[in-house]
All heavy atoms as atom14 arrays in JSON, in Angstrom:
{
  "sequence": "ALILILLYLSCSYPITGNNFYGGGGYGLFTMLLIYIIARYCGKYIPY",
  "atom14_mask": [
    [1, 1, 1, 1, 1, 0, 0, 0, 0, 0, 0, 0, 0, 0],
    [1, 1, 1, 1, 1, 1, 1, 1, 0, 0, 0, 0, 0, 0],
    [1, 1, 1, 1, 1, 1, 1, 1, 0, 0, 0, 0, 0, 0],
    [1, 1, 1, 1, 1, 1, 1, 1, 0, 0, 0, 0, 0, 0],
    [1, 1, 1, 1, 1, 1, 1, 1, 0, 0, 0, 0, 0, 0],
    [1, 1, 1, 1, 1, 1, 1, 1, 0, 0, 0, 0, 0, 0],
    [1, 1, 1, 1, 1, 1, 1, 1, 0, 0, 0, 0, 0, 0],
    [1, 1, 1, 1, 1, 1, 1, 1, 1, 1, 1, 1, 0, 0],
    [1, 1, 1, 1, 1, 1, 1, 1, 0, 0, 0, 0, 0, 0],
    [1, 1, 1, 1, 1, 1, 0, 0, 0, 0, 0, 0, 0, 0],
    [1, 1, 1, 1, 1, 1, 0, 0, 0, 0, 0, 0, 0, 0],
    [1, 1, 1, 1, 1, 1, 0, 0, 0, 0, 0, 0, 0, 0],
    [1, 1, 1, 1, 1, 1, 1, 1, 1, 1, 1, 1, 0, 0],
    [1, 1, 1, 1, 1, 1, 1, 0, 0, 0, 0, 0, 0, 0],
    [1, 1, 1, 1, 1, 1, 1, 1, 0, 0, 0, 0, 0, 0],
    [1, 1, 1, 1, 1, 1, 1, 0, 0, 0, 0, 0, 0, 0],
    [1, 1, 1, 1, 0, 0, 0, 0, 0, 0, 0, 0, 0, 0],
    [1, 1, 1, 1, 1, 1, 1, 1, 0, 0, 0, 0, 0, 0],
    [1, 1, 1, 1, 1, 1, 1, 1, 0, 0, 0, 0, 0, 0],
    [1, 1, 1, 1, 1, 1, 1, 1, 1, 1, 1, 0, 0, 0],
    [1, 1, 1, 1, 1, 1, 1, 1, 1, 1, 1, 1, 0, 0],
    [1, 1, 1, 1, 0, 0, 0, 0, 0, 0, 0, 0, 0, 0],
    [1, 1, 1, 1, 0, 0, 0, 0, 0, 0, 0, 0, 0, 0],
    [1, 1, 1, 1, 0, 0, 0, 0, 0, 0, 0, 0, 0, 0],
    [1, 1, 1, 1, 0, 0, 0, 0, 0, 0, 0, 0, 0, 0],
    [1, 1, 1, 1, 1, 1, 1, 1, 1, 1, 1, 1, 0, 0],
    [1, 1, 1, 1, 0, 0, 0, 0, 0, 0, 0, 0, 0, 0],
    [1, 1, 1, 1, 1, 1, 1, 1, 0, 0, 0, 0, 0, 0],
    [1, 1, 1, 1, 1, 1, 1, 1, 1, 1, 1, 0, 0, 0],
    [1, 1, 1, 1, 1, 1, 1, 0, 0, 0, 0, 0, 0, 0],
    [1, 1, 1, 1, 1, 1, 1, 1, 0, 0, 0, 0, 0, 0],
    [1, 1, 1, 1, 1, 1, 1, 1, 0, 0, 0, 0, 0, 0],
    [1, 1, 1, 1, 1, 1, 1, 1, 0, 0, 0, 0, 0, 0],
    [1, 1, 1, 1, 1, 1, 1, 1, 0, 0, 0, 0, 0, 0],
    [1, 1, 1, 1, 1, 1, 1, 1, 1, 1, 1, 1, 0, 0],
    [1, 1, 1, 1, 1, 1, 1, 1, 0, 0, 0, 0, 0, 0],
    [1, 1, 1, 1, 1, 1, 1, 1, 0, 0, 0, 0, 0, 0],
    [1, 1, 1, 1, 1, 0, 0, 0, 0, 0, 0, 0, 0, 0],
    [1, 1, 1, 1, 1, 1, 1, 1, 1, 1, 1, 0, 0, 0],
    [1, 1, 1, 1, 1, 1, 1, 1, 1, 1, 1, 1, 0, 0],
    [1, 1, 1, 1, 1, 1, 0, 0, 0, 0, 0, 0, 0, 0],
    [1, 1, 1, 1, 0, 0, 0, 0, 0, 0, 0, 0, 0, 0],
    [1, 1, 1, 1, 1, 1, 1, 1, 1, 0, 0, 0, 0, 0],
    [1, 1, 1, 1, 1, 1, 1, 1, 1, 1, 1, 1, 0, 0],
    [1, 1, 1, 1, 1, 1, 1, 1, 0, 0, 0, 0, 0, 0],
    [1, 1, 1, 1, 1, 1, 1, 0, 0, 0, 0, 0, 0, 0],
    [1, 1, 1, 1, 1, 1, 1, 1, 1, 1, 1, 1, 0, 0]
  ],
  "atom14_positions": [
    [[-42.52, -6.39, -7.24], [-41.19, -5.96, -6.78], [-40.26, -7.16, -6.6], [-39.08, -7.1, -6.98], [-41.33, -5.22, -5.45], [0.0, 0.0, 0.0], [0.0, 0.0, 0.0], [0.0, 0.0, 0.0], [0.0, 0.0, 0.0], [0.0, 0.0, 0.0], [0.0, 0.0, 0.0], [0.0, 0.0, 0.0], [0.0, 0.0, 0.0], [0.0, 0.0, 0.0]],
    [[-40.8, -8.26, -6.06], [-40.01, -9.48, -5.9], [-39.53, -9.99, -7.26], [-38.36, -10.37, -7.42], [-40.86, -10.56, -5.22], [-40.24, -11.97, -5.13], [-38.97, -11.95, -4.29], [-41.25, -12.96, -4.56], [0.0, 0.0, 0.0], [0.0, 0.0, 0.0], [0.0, 0.0, 0.0], [0.0, 0.0, 0.0], [0.0, 0.0, 0.0], [0.0, 0.0, 0.0]],
    [[-40.41, -9.98, -8.26], [-40.06, -10.45, -9.6], [-38.96, -9.57, -10.21], [-38.01, -10.08, -10.82], [-41.31, -10.48, -10.51], [-42.24, -11.61, -10.07], [-40.92, -10.67, -11.98], [-43.59, -11.59, -10.74], [0.0, 0.0, 0.0], [0.0, 0.0, 0.0], [0.0, 0.0, 0.0], [0.0, 0.0, 0.0], [0.0, 0.0, 0.0], [0.0, 0.0, 0.0]],
    [[-39.08, -8.26, -10.04], [-38.07, -7.35, -10.58], [-36.7, -7.6, -9.95], [-35.67, -7.59, -10.63], [-38.49, -5.9, -10.35], [-39.66, -5.39, -11.22], [-40.05, -3.98, -10.8], [-39.29, -5.43, -12.7], [0.0, 0.0, 0.0], [0.0, 0.0, 0.0], [0.0, 0.0, 0.0], [0.0, 0.0, 0.0], [0.0, 0.0, 0.0], [0.0, 0.0, 0.0]],
    [[-36.68, -7.84, -8.63], [-35.42, -8.14, -7.95], [-34.81, -9.43, -8.47], [-33.61, -9.5, -8.78], [-35.64, -8.22, -6.42], [-36.01, -6.85, -5.87], [-34.39, -8.76, -5.72], [-36.52, -6.88, -4.44], [0.0, 0.0, 0.0], [0.0, 0.0, 0.0], [0.0, 0.0, 0.0], [0.0, 0.0, 0.0], [0.0, 0.0, 0.0], [0.0, 0.0, 0.0]],
    [[-35.65, -10.47, -8.6], [-35.16, -11.75, -9.1], [-34.69, -11.66, -10.55], [-33.7, -12.3, -10.92], [-36.26, -12.82, -8.97], [-36.68, -13.2, -7.55], [-37.85, -14.16, -7.57], [-35.51, -13.8, -6.79], [0.0, 0.0, 0.0], [0.0, 0.0, 0.0], [0.0, 0.0, 0.0], [0.0, 0.0, 0.0], [0.0, 0.0, 0.0], [0.0, 0.0, 0.0]],
    [[-35.39, -10.85, -11.34], [-34.97, -10.64, -12.73], [-33.59, -9.99, -12.78], [-32.73, -10.37, -13.58], [-35.99, -9.78, -13.47], [-37.27, -10.48, -13.94], [-38.29, -9.45, -14.42], [-36.98, -11.48, -15.05], [0.0, 0.0, 0.0], [0.0, 0.0, 0.0], [0.0, 0.0, 0.0], [0.0, 0.0, 0.0], [0.0, 0.0, 0.0], [0.0, 0.0, 0.0]],
    [[-33.38, -9.01, -11.92], [-32.07, -8.34, -11.87], [-30.97, -9.32, -11.46], [-29.89, -9.34, -12.05], [-32.11, -7.17, -10.89], [-30.75, -6.58, -10.63], [-30.1, -5.81, -11.61], [-30.1, -6.79, -9.42], [-28.84, -5.28, -11.38], [-28.84, -6.26, -9.18], [-28.21, -5.51, -10.17], [-26.96, -5.0, -9.94], [0.0, 0.0, 0.0], [0.0, 0.0, 0.0]],
    [[-31.28, -10.16, -10.47], [-30.28, -11.12, -9.98], [-29.95, -12.17, -11.03], [-28.82, -12.67, -11.1], [-30.79, -11.81, -8.71], [-30.94, -10.93, -7.46], [-31.55, -11.73, -6.32], [-29.59, -10.35, -7.04], [0.0, 0.0, 0.0], [0.0, 0.0, 0.0], [0.0, 0.0, 0.0], [0.0, 0.0, 0.0], [0.0, 0.0, 0.0], [0.0, 0.0, 0.0]],
    [[-30.93, -12.53, -11.87], [-30.74, -13.64, -12.8], [-30.44, -13.21, -14.23], [-29.68, -13.88, -14.92], [-32.0, -14.52, -12.8], [-31.87, -15.59, -13.71], [0.0, 0.0, 0.0], [0.0, 0.0, 0.0], [0.0, 0.0, 0.0], [0.0, 0.0, 0.0], [0.0, 0.0, 0.0], [0.0, 0.0, 0.0], [0.0, 0.0, 0.0], [0.0, 0.0, 0.0]],
    [[-31.03, -12.1, -14.66], [-31.07, -11.81, -16.11], [-30.0, -10.85, -16.61], [-30.07, -10.4, -17.75], [-32.45, -11.28, -16.48], [-33.76, -12.49, -16.21], [0.0, 0.0, 0.0], [0.0, 0.0, 0.0], [0.0, 0.0, 0.0], [0.0, 0.0, 0.0], [0.0, 0.0, 0.0], [0.0, 0.0, 0.0], [0.0, 0.0, 0.0], [0.0, 0.0, 0.0]],
    [[-29.02, -10.54, -15.78], [-27.92, -9.7, -16.28], [-26.95, -10.52, -17.14], [-26.13, -9.96, -17.87], [-27.16, -9.07, -15.11], [-26.65, -10.09, -14.24], [0.0, 0.0, 0.0], [0.0, 0.0, 0.0], [0.0, 0.0, 0.0], [0.0, 0.0, 0.0], [0.0, 0.0, 0.0], [0.0, 0.0, 0.0], [0.0, 0.0, 0.0], [0.0, 0.0, 0.0]],
    [[-27.06, -11.85, -17.06], [-26.12, -12.73, -17.77], [-26.05, -12.48, -19.27], [-24.94, -12.41, -19.82], [-26.49, -14.19, -17.49], [-25.66, -15.19, -18.26], [-24.36, -15.5, -17.87], [-26.19, -15.84, -19.38], [-23.6, -16.42, -18.58], [-25.44, -16.75, -20.09], [-24.15, -17.04, -19.69], [-23.41, -17.94, -20.4], [0.0, 0.0, 0.0], [0.0, 0.0, 0.0]],
    [[-27.18, -12.37, -19.99], [-27.07, -12.17, -21.44], [-26.27, -10.94, -21.85], [-25.63, -10.93, -22.9], [-28.55, -12.04, -21.88], [-29.31, -12.77, -20.83], [-28.58, -12.5, -19.55], [0.0, 0.0, 0.0], [0.0, 0.0, 0.0], [0.0, 0.0, 0.0], [0.0, 0.0, 0.0], [0.0, 0.0, 0.0], [0.0, 0.0, 0.0], [0.0, 0.0, 0.0]],
    [[-26.31, -9.89, -21.01], [-25.61, -8.65, -21.36], [-24.16, -8.67, -20.9], [-23.25, -8.36, -21.67], [-26.35, -7.44, -20.74], [-27.77, -7.36, -21.31], [-25.59, -6.14, -21.03], [-28.64, -6.33, -20.65], [0.0, 0.0, 0.0], [0.0, 0.0, 0.0], [0.0, 0.0, 0.0], [0.0, 0.0, 0.0], [0.0, 0.0, 0.0], [0.0, 0.0, 0.0]],
    [[-23.93, -9.07, -19.66], [-22.6, -8.97, -19.07], [-21.8, -10.26, -19.09], [-20.57, -10.25, -18.96], [-22.7, -8.5, -17.61], [-23.37, -9.52, -16.84], [-23.49, -7.2, -17.51], [0.0, 0.0, 0.0], [0.0, 0.0, 0.0], [0.0, 0.0, 0.0], [0.0, 0.0, 0.0], [0.0, 0.0, 0.0], [0.0, 0.0, 0.0], [0.0, 0.0, 0.0]],
    [[-22.51, -11.39, -19.22], [-21.84, -12.68, -19.14], [-21.67, -13.15, -17.71], [-21.13, -14.23, -17.46], [0.0, 0.0, 0.0], [0.0, 0.0, 0.0], [0.0, 0.0, 0.0], [0.0, 0.0, 0.0], [0.0, 0.0, 0.0], [0.0, 0.0, 0.0], [0.0, 0.0, 0.0], [0.0, 0.0, 0.0], [0.0, 0.0, 0.0], [0.0, 0.0, 0.0]],
    [[-22.13, -12.34, -16.76], [-22.07, -12.7, -15.35], [-23.4, -12.35, -14.69], [-24.14, -11.48, -15.15], [-20.95, -11.93, -14.63], [-19.58, -12.27, -15.19], [-19.05, -13.34, -14.96], [-19.02, -11.33, -15.96], [0.0, 0.0, 0.0], [0.0, 0.0, 0.0], [0.0, 0.0, 0.0], [0.0, 0.0, 0.0], [0.0, 0.0, 0.0], [0.0, 0.0, 0.0]],
    [[-23.72, -13.03, -13.58], [-24.89, -12.69, -12.79], [-24.72, -13.24, -11.38], [-23.75, -13.92, -11.08], [-26.18, -13.18, -13.44], [-26.2, -14.68, -13.64], [-25.24, -15.38, -13.3], [-27.28, -15.19, -14.19], [0.0, 0.0, 0.0], [0.0, 0.0, 0.0], [0.0, 0.0, 0.0], [0.0, 0.0, 0.0], [0.0, 0.0, 0.0], [0.0, 0.0, 0.0]],
    [[-25.67, -12.93, -10.54], [-25.58, -13.38, -9.15], [-25.79, -14.89, -9.05], [-25.1, -15.58, -8.31], [-26.64, -12.67, -8.31], [-26.33, -11.22, -8.07], [-26.69, -10.26, -9.0], [-25.68, -10.82, -6.92], [-26.41, -8.92, -8.79], [-25.39, -9.49, -6.7], [-25.75, -8.52, -7.64], [0.0, 0.0, 0.0], [0.0, 0.0, 0.0], [0.0, 0.0, 0.0]],
    [[-26.78, -15.4, -9.8], [-27.13, -16.81, -9.72], [-27.53, -17.31, -11.1], [-27.92, -16.55, -11.97], [-28.31, -17.03, -8.77], [-28.07, -16.56, -7.36], [-28.6, -15.35, -6.92], [-27.32, -17.32, -6.47], [-28.37, -14.91, -5.62], [-27.09, -16.88, -5.17], [-27.62, -15.69, -4.76], [-27.39, -15.25, -3.48], [0.0, 0.0, 0.0], [0.0, 0.0, 0.0]],
    [[-27.42, -18.61, -11.29], [-28.09, -19.23, -12.43], [-27.28, -19.42, -13.68], [-27.69, -20.16, -14.56], [0.0, 0.0, 0.0], [0.0, 0.0, 0.0], [0.0, 0.0, 0.0], [0.0, 0.0, 0.0], [0.0, 0.0, 0.0], [0.0, 0.0, 0.0], [0.0, 0.0, 0.0], [0.0, 0.0, 0.0], [0.0, 0.0, 0.0], [0.0, 0.0, 0.0]],
    [[-26.1, -18.76, -13.81], [-25.33, -18.95, -15.03], [-26.18, -18.66, -16.25], [-26.72, -17.58, -16.41], [0.0, 0.0, 0.0], [0.0, 0.0, 0.0], [0.0, 0.0, 0.0], [0.0, 0.0, 0.0], [0.0, 0.0, 0.0], [0.0, 0.0, 0.0], [0.0, 0.0, 0.0], [0.0, 0.0, 0.0], [0.0, 0.0, 0.0], [0.0, 0.0, 0.0]],
    [[-26.29, -19.66, -17.13], [-27.11, -19.52, -18.33], [-28.54, -19.95, -18.14], [-29.26, -20.14, -19.1], [0.0, 0.0, 0.0], [0.0, 0.0, 0.0], [0.0, 0.0, 0.0], [0.0, 0.0, 0.0], [0.0, 0.0, 0.0], [0.0, 0.0, 0.0], [0.0, 0.0, 0.0], [0.0, 0.0, 0.0], [0.0, 0.0, 0.0], [0.0, 0.0, 0.0]],
    [[-28.96, -20.07, -16.89], [-30.36, -20.44, -16.62], [-30.57, -21.92, -16.4], [-31.69, -22.37, -16.19], [0.0, 0.0, 0.0], [0.0, 0.0, 0.0], [0.0, 0.0, 0.0], [0.0, 0.0, 0.0], [0.0, 0.0, 0.0], [0.0, 0.0, 0.0], [0.0, 0.0, 0.0], [0.0, 0.0, 0.0], [0.0, 0.0, 0.0], [0.0, 0.0, 0.0]],
    [[-29.47, -22.71, -16.44], [-29.58, -24.16, -16.26], [-29.58, -24.49, -14.76], [-28.6, -24.98, -14.24], [-28.42, -24.88, -16.92], [-28.42, -24.81, -18.43], [-27.77, -23.77, -19.08], [-29.05, -25.79, -19.19], [-27.76, -23.7, -20.47], [-29.03, -25.73, -20.57], [-28.4, -24.68, -21.21], [-28.38, -24.61, -22.57], [0.0, 0.0, 0.0], [0.0, 0.0, 0.0]],
    [[-30.67, -24.2, -14.1], [-30.68, -24.52, -12.68], [-31.96, -24.09, -11.99], [-32.89, -23.54, -12.6], [0.0, 0.0, 0.0], [0.0, 0.0, 0.0], [0.0, 0.0, 0.0], [0.0, 0.0, 0.0], [0.0, 0.0, 0.0], [0.0, 0.0, 0.0], [0.0, 0.0, 0.0], [0.0, 0.0, 0.0], [0.0, 0.0, 0.0], [0.0, 0.0, 0.0]],
    [[-31.98, -24.33, -10.69], [-33.17, -24.1, -9.88], [-33.55, -22.63, -9.82], [-34.75, -22.3, -9.88], [-32.93, -24.65, -8.47], [-34.03, -24.43, -7.43], [-35.33, -25.1, -7.86], [-33.58, -24.95, -6.07], [0.0, 0.0, 0.0], [0.0, 0.0, 0.0], [0.0, 0.0, 0.0], [0.0, 0.0, 0.0], [0.0, 0.0, 0.0], [0.0, 0.0, 0.0]],
    [[-32.58, -21.74, -9.72], [-32.89, -20.33, -9.5], [-33.76, -19.75, -10.62], [-34.78, -19.11, -10.37], [-31.6, -19.51, -9.36], [-31.84, -18.09, -8.94], [-31.96, -17.77, -7.6], [-31.94, -17.08, -9.88], [-32.19, -16.45, -7.21], [-32.17, -15.77, -9.5], [-32.29, -15.45, -8.15], [0.0, 0.0, 0.0], [0.0, 0.0, 0.0], [0.0, 0.0, 0.0]],
    [[-33.35, -19.98, -11.86], [-34.1, -19.45, -13.0], [-35.48, -20.09, -13.08], [-36.48, -19.41, -13.39], [-33.34, -19.68, -14.31], [-32.08, -19.02, -14.24], [-34.12, -19.14, -15.51], [0.0, 0.0, 0.0], [0.0, 0.0, 0.0], [0.0, 0.0, 0.0], [0.0, 0.0, 0.0], [0.0, 0.0, 0.0], [0.0, 0.0, 0.0], [0.0, 0.0, 0.0]],
    [[-35.58, -21.39, -12.8], [-36.88, -22.06, -12.85], [-37.81, -21.53, -11.76], [-39.02, -21.39, -11.98], [-36.7, -23.58, -12.7], [-35.86, -24.23, -13.79], [-36.49, -23.98, -15.47], [-35.27, -22.83, -16.14], [0.0, 0.0, 0.0], [0.0, 0.0, 0.0], [0.0, 0.0, 0.0], [0.0, 0.0, 0.0], [0.0, 0.0, 0.0], [0.0, 0.0, 0.0]],
    [[-37.26, -21.2, -10.58], [-38.07, -20.59, -9.52], [-38.55, -19.2, -9.94], [-39.7, -18.83, -9.69], [-37.25, -20.49, -8.23], [-37.06, -21.77, -7.42], [-36.1, -21.51, -6.26], [-38.38, -22.3, -6.9], [0.0, 0.0, 0.0], [0.0, 0.0, 0.0], [0.0, 0.0, 0.0], [0.0, 0.0, 0.0], [0.0, 0.0, 0.0], [0.0, 0.0, 0.0]],
    [[-37.68, -18.46, -10.59], [-38.06, -17.13, -11.1], [-39.24, -17.23, -12.05], [-40.23, -16.5, -11.91], [-36.86, -16.49, -11.8], [-37.16, -15.29, -12.72], [-37.74, -14.13, -11.91], [-35.89, -14.85, -13.45], [0.0, 0.0, 0.0], [0.0, 0.0, 0.0], [0.0, 0.0, 0.0], [0.0, 0.0, 0.0], [0.0, 0.0, 0.0], [0.0, 0.0, 0.0]],
    [[-39.16, -18.15, -12.99], [-40.24, -18.31, -13.97], [-41.52, -18.8, -13.3], [-42.63, -18.35, -13.64], [-39.81, -19.27, -15.1], [-38.64, -18.65, -15.89], [-40.97, -19.57, -16.04], [-37.92, -19.61, -16.77], [0.0, 0.0, 0.0], [0.0, 0.0, 0.0], [0.0, 0.0, 0.0], [0.0, 0.0, 0.0], [0.0, 0.0, 0.0], [0.0, 0.0, 0.0]],
    [[-41.38, -19.68, -12.32], [-42.55, -20.17, -11.59], [-43.25, -19.02, -10.87], [-44.49, -18.91, -10.9], [-42.14, -21.25, -10.58], [-43.3, -21.9, -9.87], [-43.95, -23.0, -10.43], [-43.77, -21.41, -8.66], [-45.04, -23.6, -9.78], [-44.85, -21.99, -8.01], [-45.47, -23.09, -8.58], [-46.56, -23.66, -7.95], [0.0, 0.0, 0.0], [0.0, 0.0, 0.0]],
    [[-42.49, -18.14, -10.24], [-43.07, -17.0, -9.53], [-43.74, -16.03, -10.49], [-44.84, -15.51, -10.22], [-41.99, -16.29, -8.68], [-41.54, -17.22, -7.54], [-42.49, -14.97, -8.12], [-40.31, -16.74, -6.79], [0.0, 0.0, 0.0], [0.0, 0.0, 0.0], [0.0, 0.0, 0.0], [0.0, 0.0, 0.0], [0.0, 0.0, 0.0], [0.0, 0.0, 0.0]],
    [[-43.1, -15.77, -11.63], [-43.72, -14.93, -12.67], [-45.06, -15.53, -13.1], [-46.07, -14.83, -13.24], [-42.79, -14.77, -13.88], [-41.56, -13.96, -13.52], [-43.53, -14.1, -15.05], [-40.49, -13.93, -14.61], [0.0, 0.0, 0.0], [0.0, 0.0, 0.0], [0.0, 0.0, 0.0], [0.0, 0.0, 0.0], [0.0, 0.0, 0.0], [0.0, 0.0, 0.0]],
    [[-45.07, -16.84, -13.28], [-46.28, -17.53, -13.73], [-47.37, -17.48, -12.66], [-48.56, -17.34, -12.98], [-45.96, -18.98, -14.08], [0.0, 0.0, 0.0], [0.0, 0.0, 0.0], [0.0, 0.0, 0.0], [0.0, 0.0, 0.0], [0.0, 0.0, 0.0], [0.0, 0.0, 0.0], [0.0, 0.0, 0.0], [0.0, 0.0, 0.0], [0.0, 0.0, 0.0]],
    [[-46.99, -17.61, -11.37], [-47.98, -17.5, -10.3], [-48.62, -16.11, -10.31], [-49.82, -15.95, -10.1], [-47.34, -17.77, -8.93], [-46.93, -19.18, -8.67], [-48.08, -20.2, -8.79], [-49.18, -19.92, -7.91], [-50.46, -19.96, -8.29], [-50.79, -20.26, -9.53], [-51.41, -19.71, -7.43], [0.0, 0.0, 0.0], [0.0, 0.0, 0.0], [0.0, 0.0, 0.0]],
    [[-47.78, -15.11, -10.53], [-48.29, -13.73, -10.62], [-49.28, -13.6, -11.78], [-50.37, -13.04, -11.63], [-47.13, -12.76, -10.8], [-47.55, -11.31, -10.94], [-47.68, -10.51, -9.81], [-47.8, -10.75, -12.19], [-48.07, -9.17, -9.93], [-48.19, -9.44, -12.32], [-48.32, -8.64, -11.18], [-48.72, -7.33, -11.31], [0.0, 0.0, 0.0], [0.0, 0.0, 0.0]],
    [[-48.9, -14.14, -12.93], [-49.77, -14.06, -14.11], [-51.07, -14.84, -13.89], [-52.16, -14.39, -14.29], [-49.05, -14.61, -15.34], [-47.67, -13.58, -15.91], [0.0, 0.0, 0.0], [0.0, 0.0, 0.0], [0.0, 0.0, 0.0], [0.0, 0.0, 0.0], [0.0, 0.0, 0.0], [0.0, 0.0, 0.0], [0.0, 0.0, 0.0], [0.0, 0.0, 0.0]],
    [[-50.96, -16.01, -13.26], [-52.15, -16.8, -12.99], [-53.12, -16.09, -12.06], [-54.34, -16.28, -12.15], [0.0, 0.0, 0.0], [0.0, 0.0, 0.0], [0.0, 0.0, 0.0], [0.0, 0.0, 0.0], [0.0, 0.0, 0.0], [0.0, 0.0, 0.0], [0.0, 0.0, 0.0], [0.0, 0.0, 0.0], [0.0, 0.0, 0.0], [0.0, 0.0, 0.0]],
    [[-52.59, -15.26, -11.19], [-53.42, -14.54, -10.21], [-54.0, -13.25, -10.77], [-55.15, -12.9, -10.48], [-52.57, -14.23, -8.97], [-53.36, -13.69, -7.79], [-52.46, -13.5, -6.58], [-53.24, -12.94, -5.38], [-52.36, -12.76, -4.2], [0.0, 0.0, 0.0], [0.0, 0.0, 0.0], [0.0, 0.0, 0.0], [0.0, 0.0, 0.0], [0.0, 0.0, 0.0]],
    [[-53.22, -12.55, -11.62], [-53.63, -11.21, -12.04], [-53.84, -11.04, -13.55], [-54.46, -10.06, -13.97], [-52.59, -10.19, -11.57], [-52.4, -10.14, -10.09], [-51.24, -10.63, -9.49], [-53.38, -9.61, -9.25], [-51.05, -10.59, -8.11], [-53.2, -9.57, -7.87], [-52.05, -10.07, -7.31], [-51.88, -10.02, -5.95], [0.0, 0.0, 0.0], [0.0, 0.0, 0.0]],
    [[-53.3, -11.96, -14.36], [-53.39, -11.77, -15.83], [-53.95, -13.04, -16.46], [-53.18, -13.88, -16.97], [-52.01, -11.43, -16.44], [-51.33, -10.31, -15.64], [-52.15, -11.01, -17.91], [-49.92, -10.02, -16.08], [0.0, 0.0, 0.0], [0.0, 0.0, 0.0], [0.0, 0.0, 0.0], [0.0, 0.0, 0.0], [0.0, 0.0, 0.0], [0.0, 0.0, 0.0]],
    [[-55.26, -13.24, -16.47], [-55.83, -14.48, -17.02], [-55.66, -14.58, -18.54], [-55.51, -15.68, -19.08], [-57.3, -14.4, -16.62], [-57.56, -12.94, -16.38], [-56.28, -12.38, -15.86], [0.0, 0.0, 0.0], [0.0, 0.0, 0.0], [0.0, 0.0, 0.0], [0.0, 0.0, 0.0], [0.0, 0.0, 0.0], [0.0, 0.0, 0.0], [0.0, 0.0, 0.0]],
    [[-55.71, -13.46, -19.24], [-55.6, -13.47, -20.71], [-54.81, -12.25, -21.18], [-54.78, -11.22, -20.51], [-56.98, -13.46, -21.37], [-57.77, -14.72, -21.18], [-58.74, -14.8, -20.17], [-57.54, -15.85, -21.98], [-59.47, -15.96, -19.98], [-58.27, -17.01, -21.79], [-59.23, -17.06, -20.78], [-59.95, -18.21, -20.57], [0.0, 0.0, 0.0], [0.0, 0.0, 0.0]]
  ]
}
């Protein structure tokens, strides 16, 4: 649920040209999003 919320906040940019944070992804917010996704995958999706 946390990942879905962060995706919504960050990933509307490609479609609308605007988003809550991150612009084109050049910043901390998007990198934190990807890090959290990766932590989830490392915990639940080994392969």
